[in-house]
Amino acid sequence: MKYPNQSSKRRNSFGLLKLAVIVLISFLVLQYFFIARYALFNSTHLQGLPLYENEVKVMQPSSKKDVPKFLATDSSKHIPQVLETDRIYHPRNGPFVIEEYKLVFFTIPKVACSEWKRMFMRMNRHPKWCAKKLNAHIPSVNQLKYLSDYPTDIATAIMTSPAWTRAVFVREPKERVLSAFLDKAVKEEYFARKCCDKLPNEVEIKKCRRCLDGEENRRACDFPNQDFINFLHFVTKYPDECFDVHWEPMRPKIDSKWWPYINFVGRQSDLKTDAKSLLEKLHSSSDLVADRSAWERYGQSGWGNEPGCENRTSEFLQENTSTHNIGT
């Protein structure tokens, strides 16, 4: 016995199958069309843009000196992005950017950062770069660009492209802390203001100041007549109240994900040699003298003896200023 709707069901099923086949073929045709258009667009419009996946693979330091072994990692598998929360994107703690020389420079206090800031002012042709008693640490004075002045996507490109040099100078940690103590606790009252006066109670404040001010009643200190040990005592016992960039550890100043992208690491122990090596690698596409390095243009001529400038004619970092000793 035939049911009257059986043939109509077959026709409906066949119609749905045919419709599905048509949709599938149309999808494949459209997919092929868009892939072809995308490939054509890439070949004609994206030439010259950095392919960071390939660039990162070849972004290896030119020598063992450039990147310490404990920081060397395989960065070709993942490309980090600059985030607004990154330490390097902080408007005051982040690195300087010298566009003309494709240089990103991370300054670390007590590692000749004052001299470097003045050098960068000179490279940017700041009219007062060599002025006497210049405070190059004030952004409104040095007028240097920070990485945070760029959108995060541009900052990411700067931090990952091998066309850029990303440099930092480091110092033996114990020597750097001692330098901070001599400069900020012995030479001036900076430590007393930044640490002692912020301690949680009057007893500790008086004890901290007494341990530093040279008074005879230092017997109240935890370590009588041992100024440096007292300094270490307070900065370690009260890490939050006594936090300061001058004795803060160096490694946290750069986010861990960005250390592998630092392709030049200089050292305070070889400051003059390493500074020359860095400046010799830098070249400007807009320099009227072809193939002249930043060292030849700025480093080897010193500060000069022009009116209003400190009289320093030796090479960069070959002598101390009247107000800043590069050896301390």
Protein backbone atom coordinates (compact mmCIF):
# COMPACT_ATOMS: atom_id res chain seq x y z
CA MET A 1 0.00 0.00 0.00
CA LYS A 2 1.41 3.39 -1.05
CA TYR A 3 1.13 6.40 1.12
CA PRO A 4 0.21 9.50 -0.84
CA ASN A 5 2.97 11.70 0.67
CA GLN A 6 5.93 9.31 0.23
CA SER A 7 6.98 10.60 -3.20
CA SER A 8 6.73 14.19 -2.03
CA LYS A 9 9.04 13.41 0.89
CA ARG A 10 11.62 11.99 -1.52
CA ARG A 11 11.40 15.12 -3.65
CA ASN A 12 11.83 17.34 -0.60
CA SER A 13 14.89 15.39 0.61
CA PHE A 14 16.45 15.56 -2.84
CA GLY A 15 15.76 19.28 -3.01
CA LEU A 16 17.44 19.88 0.37
CA LEU A 17 20.47 17.81 -0.66
CA LYS A 18 20.79 19.76 -3.91
CA LEU A 19 20.54 23.05 -1.98
CA ALA A 20 23.26 21.93 0.44
CA VAL A 21 25.58 21.02 -2.45
CA ILE A 22 25.00 24.42 -4.07
CA VAL A 23 25.76 26.24 -0.79
CA LEU A 24 28.95 24.20 -0.28
CA ILE A 25 30.18 24.88 -3.83
CA SER A 26 29.39 28.58 -3.47
CA PHE A 27 31.29 28.73 -0.17
CA LEU A 28 34.35 27.06 -1.72
CA VAL A 29 34.29 29.41 -4.71
CA LEU A 30 34.01 32.49 -2.46
CA GLN A 31 36.76 31.23 -0.17
CA TYR A 32 39.08 30.72 -3.14
CA PHE A 33 38.20 34.17 -4.44
CA PHE A 34 38.99 35.93 -1.13
CA ILE A 35 42.19 33.97 -0.61
CA ALA A 36 43.36 34.98 -4.07
CA ARG A 37 42.45 38.62 -3.42
CA TYR A 38 44.21 38.55 -0.02
CA ALA A 39 47.38 37.11 -1.55
CA LEU A 40 47.31 39.76 -4.26
CA PHE A 41 46.77 42.49 -1.64
CA ASN A 42 49.71 41.20 0.42
CA SER A 43 52.02 41.11 -2.56
CA THR A 44 51.19 44.63 -3.72
CA HIS A 45 50.35 46.61 -0.57
CA LEU A 46 52.23 45.00 2.32
CA GLN A 47 55.71 45.03 0.85
CA GLY A 48 58.20 46.63 3.21
CA LEU A 49 56.15 46.10 6.34
CA PRO A 50 58.03 44.08 8.99
CA LEU A 51 57.14 40.41 9.20
CA TYR A 52 57.88 40.12 12.90
CA GLU A 53 57.68 36.32 12.99
CA ASN A 54 60.67 36.18 10.62
CA GLU A 55 62.45 39.16 12.13
CA VAL A 56 62.41 37.75 15.65
CA LYS A 57 63.99 34.51 14.46
CA VAL A 58 67.01 36.34 13.10
CA MET A 59 67.20 38.81 15.98
CA GLN A 60 70.13 37.19 17.71
CA PRO A 61 72.88 39.16 19.48
CA SER A 62 75.98 39.75 17.42
CA SER A 63 78.24 38.66 20.25
CA LYS A 64 78.06 36.92 23.60
CA LYS A 65 78.63 40.28 25.25
CA ASP A 66 75.37 41.72 23.97
CA VAL A 67 72.99 39.61 26.06
CA PRO A 68 73.84 37.75 29.28
CA LYS A 69 73.36 33.99 29.07
CA PHE A 70 70.67 33.88 31.74
CA LEU A 71 68.55 36.22 29.61
CA ALA A 72 69.00 34.38 26.30
CA THR A 73 65.75 32.63 25.37
CA ASP A 74 64.10 31.42 22.19
CA SER A 75 61.83 34.34 21.38
CA SER A 76 60.77 33.09 17.93
CA LYS A 77 57.79 31.13 19.26
CA HIS A 78 55.85 34.06 20.68
CA ILE A 79 56.00 37.78 20.11
CA PRO A 80 55.00 39.79 23.20
CA GLN A 81 52.91 42.92 22.97
CA VAL A 82 53.57 46.19 24.77
CA LEU A 83 50.80 46.71 27.31
CA GLU A 84 49.93 49.87 29.17
CA THR A 85 50.70 48.02 32.40
CA ASP A 86 54.25 47.12 31.30
CA ARG A 87 57.07 48.68 33.30
CA ILE A 88 58.80 49.74 30.09
CA TYR A 89 55.66 51.70 29.10
CA HIS A 90 55.68 53.79 32.26
CA PRO A 91 55.97 57.49 31.33
CA ARG A 92 58.91 58.08 33.71
CA ASN A 93 60.51 54.66 34.17
CA GLY A 94 60.42 53.57 30.53
CA PRO A 95 63.23 53.89 27.99
CA PHE A 96 64.11 56.83 25.79
CA VAL A 97 63.61 56.62 22.03
CA ILE A 98 66.01 58.33 19.62
CA GLU A 99 64.18 57.94 16.33
CA GLU A 100 66.93 59.24 14.05
CA TYR A 101 69.27 56.47 15.20
CA LYS A 102 66.62 53.79 15.82
CA LEU A 103 67.78 53.54 19.43
CA VAL A 104 65.81 52.52 22.52
CA PHE A 105 67.85 53.18 25.66
CA PHE A 106 67.00 52.02 29.18
CA THR A 107 68.66 54.26 31.75
CA ILE A 108 69.41 52.85 35.21
CA PRO A 109 70.21 55.25 38.07
CA LYS A 110 73.82 55.07 39.26
CA VAL A 111 74.95 53.74 35.87
CA ALA A 112 76.00 57.02 34.20
CA CYS A 113 72.37 57.85 33.37
CA SER A 114 72.94 61.60 33.76
CA GLU A 115 75.65 61.56 31.11
CA TRP A 116 73.56 59.48 28.73
CA LYS A 117 70.60 61.84 29.01
CA ARG A 118 72.81 64.76 28.11
CA MET A 119 74.21 62.81 25.18
CA PHE A 120 70.70 62.10 23.91
CA MET A 121 69.81 65.78 24.28
CA ARG A 122 72.80 66.53 22.09
CA MET A 123 71.81 63.91 19.52
CA ASN A 124 68.37 65.54 19.42
CA ARG A 125 70.09 68.91 18.96
CA HIS A 126 68.73 70.40 22.17
CA PRO A 127 70.19 73.92 22.45
CA LYS A 128 71.05 73.59 26.16
CA TRP A 129 72.43 70.07 26.21
CA CYS A 130 75.85 71.19 27.49
CA ALA A 131 74.70 73.93 29.87
CA LYS A 132 76.33 74.13 33.27
CA LYS A 133 74.32 72.85 36.26
CA LEU A 134 71.79 71.27 33.91
CA ASN A 135 69.31 68.86 35.52
CA ALA A 136 68.83 66.42 32.65
CA HIS A 137 66.48 64.24 34.72
CA ILE A 138 63.52 66.61 34.34
CA PRO A 139 61.42 65.65 31.28
CA SER A 140 60.44 69.25 30.57
CA VAL A 141 64.15 70.10 30.48
CA ASN A 142 65.57 67.18 28.49
CA GLN A 143 62.55 67.04 26.12
CA LEU A 144 63.36 63.43 25.23
CA LYS A 145 60.83 60.97 23.89
CA TYR A 146 59.77 58.00 25.98
CA LEU A 147 58.48 54.71 24.62
CA SER A 148 55.17 55.60 26.26
CA ASP A 149 54.82 58.56 23.88
CA TYR A 150 53.94 56.05 21.15
CA PRO A 151 50.76 53.96 20.77
CA THR A 152 51.21 50.44 22.10
CA ASP A 153 51.22 48.86 18.63
CA ILE A 154 54.01 51.17 17.46
CA ALA A 155 55.87 50.57 20.73
CA THR A 156 55.59 46.82 20.10
CA ALA A 157 57.07 47.25 16.63
CA ILE A 158 59.97 49.27 18.08
CA MET A 159 60.59 46.66 20.77
CA THR A 160 60.59 43.69 18.38
CA SER A 161 62.09 44.89 15.11
CA PRO A 162 65.77 43.96 14.55
CA ALA A 163 66.21 47.27 12.76
CA TRP A 164 66.27 48.93 16.19
CA THR A 165 68.98 48.82 18.85
CA ARG A 166 67.64 48.29 22.38
CA ALA A 167 70.39 49.04 24.87
CA VAL A 168 70.92 49.07 28.60
CA PHE A 169 73.98 49.58 30.80
CA VAL A 170 74.24 47.56 34.03
CA ARG A 171 76.52 47.62 37.04
CA GLU A 172 77.76 45.15 39.62
CA PRO A 173 74.87 45.22 42.14
CA LYS A 174 76.86 45.64 45.36
CA GLU A 175 78.95 48.40 43.82
CA ARG A 176 75.80 50.15 42.61
CA VAL A 177 74.14 50.08 46.06
CA LEU A 178 77.33 51.42 47.64
CA SER A 179 77.35 54.21 45.06
CA ALA A 180 73.74 55.04 45.93
CA PHE A 181 74.64 55.18 49.63
CA LEU A 182 77.65 57.47 49.11
CA ASP A 183 75.72 59.80 46.84
CA LYS A 184 72.28 59.83 48.46
CA ALA A 185 72.99 59.20 52.14
CA VAL A 186 76.47 60.65 52.75
CA LYS A 187 76.72 63.48 50.23
CA GLU A 188 73.20 64.81 50.81
CA GLU A 189 70.04 64.25 52.89
CA TYR A 190 68.18 62.51 50.08
CA PHE A 191 68.02 59.19 51.94
CA ALA A 192 66.81 60.85 55.14
CA ARG A 193 63.92 62.46 53.25
CA LYS A 194 63.07 59.48 51.05
CA CYS A 195 63.39 56.80 53.73
CA CYS A 196 63.86 57.94 57.31
CA ASP A 197 61.04 60.48 57.32
CA LYS A 198 58.60 57.89 55.90
CA LEU A 199 59.09 55.25 58.58
CA PRO A 200 56.01 54.17 60.59
CA ASN A 201 56.84 55.74 63.98
CA GLU A 202 58.89 58.51 65.54
CA VAL A 203 61.29 56.13 67.24
CA GLU A 204 62.38 54.58 63.96
CA ILE A 205 62.52 57.98 62.24
CA LYS A 206 64.88 59.38 64.88
CA LYS A 207 66.96 56.22 64.89
CA CYS A 208 67.27 56.25 61.11
CA ARG A 209 68.30 59.92 61.00
CA ARG A 210 70.68 59.51 63.93
CA CYS A 211 72.42 56.66 62.16
CA LEU A 212 73.17 58.90 59.20
CA ASP A 213 73.79 62.37 60.54
CA GLY A 214 77.13 61.82 62.23
CA GLU A 215 75.99 62.64 65.75
CA GLU A 216 77.83 61.20 68.72
CA ASN A 217 74.80 59.35 70.05
CA ARG A 218 74.90 56.75 67.28
CA ARG A 219 74.94 54.17 70.05
CA ALA A 220 71.15 54.04 69.60
CA CYS A 221 71.63 52.64 66.08
CA ASP A 222 71.30 48.94 65.49
CA PHE A 223 74.83 48.94 64.09
CA PRO A 224 76.82 51.73 65.82
CA ASN A 225 79.45 53.47 63.66
CA GLN A 226 78.59 51.33 60.64
CA ASP A 227 76.80 53.79 58.36
CA PHE A 228 76.50 51.58 55.29
CA ILE A 229 75.17 48.61 57.25
CA ASN A 230 72.55 50.85 58.86
CA PHE A 231 71.57 52.07 55.40
CA LEU A 232 71.11 48.46 54.25
CA HIS A 233 69.21 47.67 57.43
CA PHE A 234 66.53 50.28 56.80
CA VAL A 235 66.09 49.73 53.06
CA THR A 236 65.62 45.99 53.64
CA LYS A 237 63.51 46.22 56.80
CA TYR A 238 61.19 48.81 55.24
CA PRO A 239 61.21 48.02 51.50
CA ASP A 240 57.99 49.92 50.78
CA GLU A 241 58.69 53.04 52.80
CA CYS A 242 62.31 53.20 51.62
CA PHE A 243 61.76 52.21 48.00
CA ASP A 244 63.76 54.31 45.55
CA VAL A 245 64.98 53.86 41.98
CA HIS A 246 68.59 54.55 42.99
CA TRP A 247 68.90 51.31 44.98
CA GLU A 248 66.06 49.35 43.42
CA PRO A 249 67.32 46.10 41.78
CA MET A 250 68.11 46.47 38.10
CA ARG A 251 66.35 43.48 36.59
CA PRO A 252 62.74 44.48 37.50
CA LYS A 253 63.23 47.78 35.67
CA ILE A 254 62.60 45.87 32.45
CA ASP A 255 59.70 43.42 32.25
CA SER A 256 60.90 39.82 32.04
CA LYS A 257 59.24 39.34 28.65
CA TRP A 258 61.33 42.18 27.18
CA TRP A 259 64.79 41.21 28.42
CA PRO A 260 65.35 38.79 25.50
CA TYR A 261 64.78 41.70 23.12
CA ILE A 262 67.61 43.76 24.57
CA ASN A 263 70.32 43.44 21.92
CA PHE A 264 73.06 45.53 23.53
CA VAL A 265 74.11 45.27 27.18
CA GLY A 266 76.94 47.51 28.32
CA ARG A 267 78.66 47.37 31.69
CA GLN A 268 79.81 50.06 34.08
CA SER A 269 83.10 48.23 34.52
CA ASP A 270 83.81 48.81 30.80
CA LEU A 271 81.79 52.01 30.54
CA LYS A 272 83.97 54.00 28.16
CA THR A 273 84.67 51.09 25.83
CA ASP A 274 81.09 49.85 25.77
CA ALA A 275 79.70 53.36 25.26
CA LYS A 276 81.97 53.81 22.26
CA SER A 277 80.93 50.40 20.89
CA LEU A 278 77.26 51.31 21.15
CA LEU A 279 77.61 54.71 19.49
CA GLU A 280 79.75 53.21 16.72
CA LYS A 281 76.88 50.89 15.76
CA LEU A 282 74.40 53.75 15.37
CA HIS A 283 73.98 55.52 12.04
CA SER A 284 71.52 58.15 10.88
CA SER A 285 69.84 58.08 7.49
CA SER A 286 69.54 61.87 7.59
CA ASP A 287 73.18 62.65 8.39
CA LEU A 288 74.71 64.78 5.65
CA VAL A 289 77.99 62.89 6.11
CA ALA A 290 77.55 59.41 4.67
CA ASP A 291 78.24 56.39 6.93
CA ARG A 292 79.20 58.58 9.89
CA SER A 293 78.47 56.87 13.21
CA ALA A 294 77.00 58.55 16.28
CA TRP A 295 80.39 58.13 17.91
CA GLU A 296 82.14 60.06 15.13
CA ARG A 297 79.44 62.71 15.11
CA TYR A 298 79.01 63.21 18.85
CA GLY A 299 81.11 60.88 21.00
CA GLN A 300 84.68 61.61 20.04
CA SER A 301 84.31 65.40 20.13
CA GLY A 302 83.38 65.63 23.82
CA TRP A 303 81.33 68.45 25.28
CA GLY A 304 83.41 71.17 23.68
CA ASN A 305 84.23 74.57 25.16
CA GLU A 306 81.51 76.75 23.68
CA PRO A 307 80.21 79.67 25.78
CA GLY A 308 77.80 78.47 28.45
CA CYS A 309 79.01 74.87 28.24
CA GLU A 310 81.18 72.91 30.60
CA ASN A 311 84.73 72.94 29.27
CA ARG A 312 85.05 69.25 28.42
CA THR A 313 86.86 68.51 25.20
CA SER A 314 87.76 64.85 25.77
CA GLU A 315 85.77 61.97 24.33
CA PHE A 316 82.38 61.04 25.78
CA LEU A 317 82.73 59.55 29.30
CA GLN A 318 86.51 60.06 29.27
CA GLU A 319 86.32 62.60 32.09
CA ASN A 320 84.07 63.53 35.00
CA THR A 321 81.94 66.63 35.15
CA SER A 322 82.31 69.21 37.84
CA THR A 323 79.12 68.01 39.50
CA HIS A 324 78.83 64.35 38.58
CA ASN A 325 81.48 61.72 39.04
CA ILE A 326 80.93 58.84 36.60
CA GLY A 327 83.07 56.58 38.75
CA THR A 328 80.74 56.74 41.77
